Amino acid sequence: MKNITVLGTGVLGSQIAFQTAFHGFDVVAYDIDQAALDRAAERFDALAARYVADGVENAAGGGAEAAIARIRLTSELTDAAAAADLIIEAVPENLELKQSIYRTLADAAPETTIFATNSSTLLPSALAASTGRPDRFLALHFANEIWSHNTAEVMGTPETDPAVYDAVVAFAAEIGMVPIPIKKEKAGYLLNSMLVPFLEAGAGLLVDGIADPEAIDATWRIGTGAPAGPFEIYDVVGLTTAYNISRMGGEKQQRFAQLLKEQYIDKGKLGVSTGEGFYTYPRAN
């Protein structure tokens, strides 16, 4: 693989594109319009600075800036797919949206192109038929801040070609990830199967009026020694992602989604990426 396309340049999509380019691949980053691409360019600049500040190996001395030069931005989906060896889809968690994108890609991408979804909650089998190439489709799931939390969960469907699976595992290792093979489909993979119940527990305490985010987070940090509580994690993940996942859940999750929309998202408070969510950033120590 040489040419990699990433669809979606939000918090995690931009990280996937940058990490891939940082490790020497040519990357096309797609998003829906010029405004989204302008925000993507700002994210890439911020990521370059973050890699240097965090001491990522080979980032200083121009290494991080060189990654930006290997990323081409486009708002044309057919252009993004035209020469791709691998397309990593990281668009919002909406089944119909993803299926529609894959139907377009099925015609636009070369027959040899591998498709991978970064979906956090949807099973790849729910998307496979819309790809037109279920044997060349699987899930490749990253954690936020992938330069340090560098897991890459690889999950196929019963139709995924084993050679395709192995190629994606090898690609993940090439971009500095620790590939985590998953033996069969599981909504939430490994990481989110453990993380989501934790986050939902925090959300439930909030919507039931038990405590505010600061108290919930402080209790978790002090009581366990963990570096962050659920609402601090929500801010890092992004409140739009939290909303899209929660609105598809049960009654309590939907109440949390409504709270997110009315009190935060509609006011432009999306988390760390916008400087404010449950907390204001940068935060005082």
Protein backbone atom coordinates (compact mmCIF):
# COMPACT_ATOMS: atom_id res chain seq x y z
CA MET A 1 0.00 0.00 0.00
CA LYS A 2 1.17 3.50 -0.86
CA ASN A 3 -1.82 5.78 -1.37
CA ILE A 4 -4.17 6.10 1.58
CA THR A 5 -7.44 8.02 1.69
CA VAL A 6 -9.13 9.08 4.91
CA LEU A 7 -12.78 10.10 4.76
CA GLY A 8 -13.69 12.58 7.48
CA THR A 9 -11.30 15.08 9.08
CA GLY A 10 -12.83 15.44 12.52
CA VAL A 11 -10.92 14.80 15.71
CA LEU A 12 -9.99 11.20 14.95
CA GLY A 13 -10.06 11.32 11.15
CA SER A 14 -7.50 14.11 11.12
CA GLN A 15 -5.30 12.13 13.51
CA ILE A 16 -5.48 9.02 11.31
CA ALA A 17 -4.54 11.05 8.23
CA PHE A 18 -1.67 12.81 9.99
CA GLN A 19 -0.27 9.66 11.62
CA THR A 20 -0.35 7.88 8.27
CA ALA A 21 1.42 10.74 6.49
CA PHE A 22 3.93 11.05 9.33
CA HIS A 23 4.99 7.48 8.61
CA GLY A 24 5.67 8.22 4.96
CA PHE A 25 2.43 7.42 3.15
CA ASP A 26 0.77 9.74 0.63
CA VAL A 27 -2.62 10.68 2.06
CA VAL A 28 -5.78 12.19 0.60
CA ALA A 29 -8.03 13.65 3.29
CA TYR A 30 -11.67 14.12 2.30
CA ASP A 31 -14.40 16.19 3.89
CA ILE A 32 -17.70 17.61 2.71
CA ASP A 33 -16.84 21.25 1.92
CA GLN A 34 -14.13 23.91 1.97
CA ALA A 35 -15.03 25.07 5.47
CA ALA A 36 -14.44 21.55 6.80
CA LEU A 37 -11.17 21.34 4.89
CA ASP A 38 -10.04 24.68 6.34
CA ARG A 39 -10.66 23.27 9.82
CA ALA A 40 -8.75 20.15 8.82
CA ALA A 41 -5.74 22.21 7.79
CA GLU A 42 -5.79 23.89 11.20
CA ARG A 43 -5.96 20.49 12.89
CA PHE A 44 -2.97 19.24 10.92
CA ASP A 45 -0.94 22.29 11.95
CA ALA A 46 -1.93 21.72 15.58
CA LEU A 47 -1.05 18.02 15.33
CA ALA A 48 2.40 18.83 13.95
CA ALA A 49 3.02 21.09 16.94
CA ARG A 50 1.61 18.48 19.33
CA TYR A 51 3.88 15.72 17.98
CA VAL A 52 6.90 17.95 18.59
CA ALA A 53 5.71 19.02 22.04
CA ASP A 54 5.04 15.41 23.05
CA GLY A 55 8.47 14.30 21.90
CA VAL A 56 7.24 11.88 19.24
CA GLU A 57 10.29 10.28 17.65
CA ASN A 58 11.41 12.05 14.43
CA ALA A 59 8.81 14.82 14.85
CA ALA A 60 11.31 17.58 15.65
CA GLY A 61 13.58 19.08 13.03
CA GLY A 62 10.90 19.26 10.37
CA GLY A 63 9.57 15.71 10.54
CA ALA A 64 6.11 16.70 11.70
CA GLU A 65 5.86 19.52 9.17
CA ALA A 66 6.88 17.14 6.38
CA ALA A 67 3.83 15.03 7.15
CA ILE A 68 1.55 17.94 6.27
CA ALA A 69 3.16 18.14 2.83
CA ARG A 70 2.15 14.52 2.19
CA ILE A 71 -1.55 15.27 2.81
CA ARG A 72 -3.79 16.46 -0.01
CA LEU A 73 -7.22 17.86 0.85
CA THR A 74 -10.33 17.39 -1.28
CA SER A 75 -14.09 17.78 -1.00
CA GLU A 76 -14.77 15.54 -4.02
CA LEU A 77 -15.45 11.97 -2.96
CA THR A 78 -14.72 10.48 -6.37
CA ASP A 79 -11.39 12.32 -6.48
CA ALA A 80 -10.52 11.03 -3.01
CA ALA A 81 -11.16 7.44 -4.08
CA ALA A 82 -9.63 7.48 -7.55
CA ALA A 83 -6.09 6.24 -6.76
CA ALA A 84 -6.49 4.84 -3.26
CA ASP A 85 -4.97 1.54 -2.19
CA LEU A 86 -6.78 1.78 1.15
CA ILE A 87 -9.72 3.98 2.14
CA ILE A 88 -10.29 4.51 5.87
CA GLU A 89 -13.76 5.84 6.57
CA ALA A 90 -14.11 8.01 9.68
CA VAL A 91 -17.37 9.88 9.03
CA PRO A 92 -20.06 10.47 11.70
CA GLU A 93 -21.70 7.46 13.37
CA ASN A 94 -24.77 7.31 11.15
CA LEU A 95 -25.57 4.02 9.42
CA GLU A 96 -27.41 5.52 6.46
CA LEU A 97 -24.68 8.11 5.85
CA LYS A 98 -21.96 5.47 5.88
CA GLN A 99 -23.92 3.14 3.59
CA SER A 100 -24.49 5.98 1.12
CA ILE A 101 -20.78 6.82 1.07
CA TYR A 102 -19.81 3.20 0.48
CA ARG A 103 -22.25 2.91 -2.42
CA THR A 104 -20.51 5.87 -4.05
CA LEU A 105 -17.08 4.45 -3.31
CA ALA A 106 -18.05 1.09 -4.81
CA ASP A 107 -18.16 2.72 -8.24
CA ALA A 108 -15.45 5.36 -7.73
CA ALA A 109 -12.59 3.30 -6.28
CA PRO A 110 -10.37 0.84 -8.18
CA GLU A 111 -11.41 -2.79 -7.82
CA THR A 112 -8.26 -3.49 -5.80
CA THR A 113 -8.93 -0.82 -3.18
CA ILE A 114 -9.50 -2.03 0.38
CA PHE A 115 -12.21 -0.29 2.43
CA ALA A 116 -11.93 0.02 6.22
CA THR A 117 -14.39 1.60 8.61
CA ASN A 118 -13.30 3.31 11.80
CA SER A 119 -16.85 3.13 13.17
CA SER A 120 -16.89 3.03 16.95
CA THR A 121 -20.19 1.22 17.42
CA LEU A 122 -21.47 -0.25 14.13
CA LEU A 123 -20.61 -3.78 13.07
CA PRO A 124 -18.80 -3.98 9.73
CA SER A 125 -21.34 -6.57 8.56
CA ALA A 126 -23.98 -3.82 8.67
CA LEU A 127 -21.99 -1.95 6.01
CA ALA A 128 -20.44 -4.77 3.98
CA ALA A 129 -23.16 -5.13 1.34
CA SER A 130 -23.10 -1.41 0.50
CA THR A 131 -19.36 -1.56 -0.29
CA GLY A 132 -19.84 -3.77 -3.35
CA ARG A 133 -16.72 -5.67 -2.25
CA PRO A 134 -17.40 -7.38 1.10
CA ASP A 135 -14.31 -9.53 0.68
CA ARG A 136 -12.15 -6.36 0.70
CA PHE A 137 -13.87 -4.67 3.62
CA LEU A 138 -13.27 -4.72 7.38
CA ALA A 139 -13.05 -2.50 10.44
CA LEU A 140 -9.89 -0.68 11.53
CA HIS A 141 -10.52 1.15 14.78
CA PHE A 142 -8.19 3.69 16.38
CA ALA A 143 -8.14 5.28 19.83
CA ASN A 144 -8.03 9.03 20.33
CA GLU A 145 -4.54 10.61 20.44
CA ILE A 146 -3.28 7.76 18.30
CA TRP A 147 0.38 8.81 18.42
CA SER A 148 0.47 7.72 22.07
CA HIS A 149 -2.66 5.56 22.55
CA ASN A 150 -1.57 3.55 19.55
CA THR A 151 -3.92 0.60 19.37
CA ALA A 152 -5.45 -0.42 16.05
CA GLU A 153 -8.27 -2.93 16.45
CA VAL A 154 -8.73 -5.01 13.29
CA MET A 155 -12.09 -6.75 12.89
CA GLY A 156 -13.32 -8.51 9.78
CA THR A 157 -16.63 -10.07 8.80
CA PRO A 158 -17.18 -13.67 7.75
CA GLU A 159 -16.73 -12.45 4.16
CA THR A 160 -13.41 -10.63 4.64
CA ASP A 161 -10.57 -12.17 2.62
CA PRO A 162 -7.86 -13.35 5.06
CA ALA A 163 -5.20 -11.81 2.81
CA VAL A 164 -6.95 -8.45 3.06
CA TYR A 165 -7.13 -8.80 6.84
CA ASP A 166 -3.40 -9.54 7.00
CA ALA A 167 -2.60 -6.60 4.73
CA VAL A 168 -4.46 -4.19 7.01
CA VAL A 169 -2.75 -5.61 10.11
CA ALA A 170 0.59 -5.03 8.39
CA PHE A 171 -0.41 -1.48 7.42
CA ALA A 172 -1.38 -0.68 11.00
CA ALA A 173 2.06 -1.76 12.19
CA GLU A 174 3.72 0.34 9.46
CA ILE A 175 2.09 3.52 10.78
CA GLY A 176 3.24 2.91 14.33
CA MET A 177 0.18 1.16 15.70
CA VAL A 178 -0.05 -1.96 17.82
CA PRO A 179 -2.46 -4.12 15.80
CA ILE A 180 -5.11 -5.83 17.94
CA PRO A 181 -6.65 -8.75 16.00
CA ILE A 182 -10.27 -9.40 16.97
CA LYS A 183 -11.44 -12.93 16.29
CA LYS A 184 -15.08 -12.20 15.50
CA GLU A 185 -17.42 -9.25 15.25
CA LYS A 186 -18.21 -7.42 18.46
CA ALA A 187 -19.97 -4.06 18.64
CA GLY A 188 -17.55 -1.71 20.39
CA TYR A 189 -14.51 -3.88 19.66
CA LEU A 190 -12.40 -4.43 22.79
CA LEU A 191 -11.68 -0.85 23.85
CA ASN A 192 -15.18 0.57 23.57
CA SER A 193 -16.75 -2.57 25.01
CA MET A 194 -15.00 -1.55 28.20
CA LEU A 195 -15.00 2.25 27.79
CA VAL A 196 -18.61 2.91 26.71
CA PRO A 197 -20.28 1.37 29.79
CA PHE A 198 -17.99 3.51 31.94
CA LEU A 199 -18.91 6.68 30.05
CA GLU A 200 -22.62 5.79 30.09
CA ALA A 201 -22.46 5.30 33.86
CA GLY A 202 -21.15 8.83 34.22
CA ALA A 203 -23.79 10.20 31.85
CA GLY A 204 -26.51 8.40 33.81
CA LEU A 205 -25.38 9.99 37.07
CA LEU A 206 -25.61 13.40 35.39
CA VAL A 207 -29.02 13.07 33.73
CA ASP A 208 -30.49 11.54 36.90
CA GLY A 209 -29.36 14.61 38.84
CA ILE A 210 -27.07 12.65 41.16
CA ALA A 211 -24.00 14.87 40.73
CA ASP A 212 -22.43 17.36 38.35
CA PRO A 213 -19.58 16.50 35.93
CA GLU A 214 -16.87 17.97 38.14
CA ALA A 215 -17.87 15.84 41.13
CA ILE A 216 -18.23 12.69 39.04
CA ASP A 217 -14.84 13.17 37.41
CA ALA A 218 -13.09 14.04 40.68
CA THR A 219 -14.54 10.98 42.38
CA TRP A 220 -13.22 8.71 39.64
CA ARG A 221 -9.76 10.33 39.54
CA ILE A 222 -9.25 10.40 43.29
CA GLY A 223 -10.82 7.03 43.97
CA THR A 224 -8.98 5.09 41.28
CA GLY A 225 -5.88 7.12 40.45
CA ALA A 226 -7.05 7.35 36.82
CA PRO A 227 -5.91 10.48 34.92
CA ALA A 228 -9.40 11.44 33.69
CA GLY A 229 -13.05 10.98 34.54
CA PRO A 230 -15.89 10.31 32.08
CA PHE A 231 -16.69 13.91 31.21
CA GLU A 232 -13.05 14.78 30.66
CA ILE A 233 -12.94 11.83 28.27
CA TYR A 234 -16.14 12.97 26.56
CA ASP A 235 -14.49 16.35 25.90
CA VAL A 236 -11.47 14.65 24.31
CA VAL A 237 -13.57 12.29 22.18
CA GLY A 238 -15.79 15.18 21.11
CA LEU A 239 -19.36 15.88 22.12
CA THR A 240 -20.68 15.43 18.58
CA THR A 241 -19.42 11.86 18.58
CA ALA A 242 -20.89 11.33 22.05
CA TYR A 243 -24.21 12.71 20.83
CA ASN A 244 -24.34 10.55 17.70
CA ILE A 245 -23.71 7.40 19.75
CA SER A 246 -26.01 8.31 22.66
CA ARG A 247 -29.02 9.22 20.53
CA MET A 248 -29.13 5.64 19.24
CA GLY A 249 -29.17 4.17 22.75
CA GLY A 250 -31.83 3.56 25.36
CA GLU A 251 -34.01 6.05 27.19
CA LYS A 252 -31.29 7.33 29.51
CA GLN A 253 -28.73 7.61 26.70
CA GLN A 254 -31.25 9.59 24.64
CA ARG A 255 -31.79 11.97 27.53
CA PHE A 256 -28.04 12.50 27.66
CA ALA A 257 -27.99 13.11 23.90
CA GLN A 258 -30.68 15.78 24.31
CA LEU A 259 -28.68 17.42 27.09
CA LEU A 260 -25.55 17.42 24.92
CA LYS A 261 -27.39 19.01 22.00
CA GLU A 262 -29.24 21.69 23.91
CA GLN A 263 -26.61 22.69 26.45
CA TYR A 264 -23.41 22.20 24.46
CA ILE A 265 -23.53 21.34 20.75
CA ASP A 266 -26.11 24.00 19.78
CA LYS A 267 -23.88 26.55 21.53
CA GLY A 268 -20.75 25.45 19.67
CA LYS A 269 -19.26 23.75 22.72
CA LEU A 270 -17.93 20.52 21.23
CA GLY A 271 -15.13 19.69 23.63
CA VAL A 272 -11.37 20.15 23.48
CA SER A 273 -11.45 20.78 19.71
CA THR A 274 -13.44 24.02 20.17
CA GLY A 275 -11.91 25.08 23.49
CA GLU A 276 -15.03 24.36 25.53
CA GLY A 277 -17.26 21.43 26.37
CA PHE A 278 -17.96 20.25 29.88
CA TYR A 279 -14.78 22.19 30.71
CA THR A 280 -12.99 25.22 29.23
CA TYR A 281 -9.58 24.69 27.58
CA PRO A 282 -6.74 25.07 28.21
CA ARG A 283 -7.50 24.07 31.76
CA ALA A 284 -5.62 25.37 34.78
CA ASN A 285 -3.76 22.67 36.66
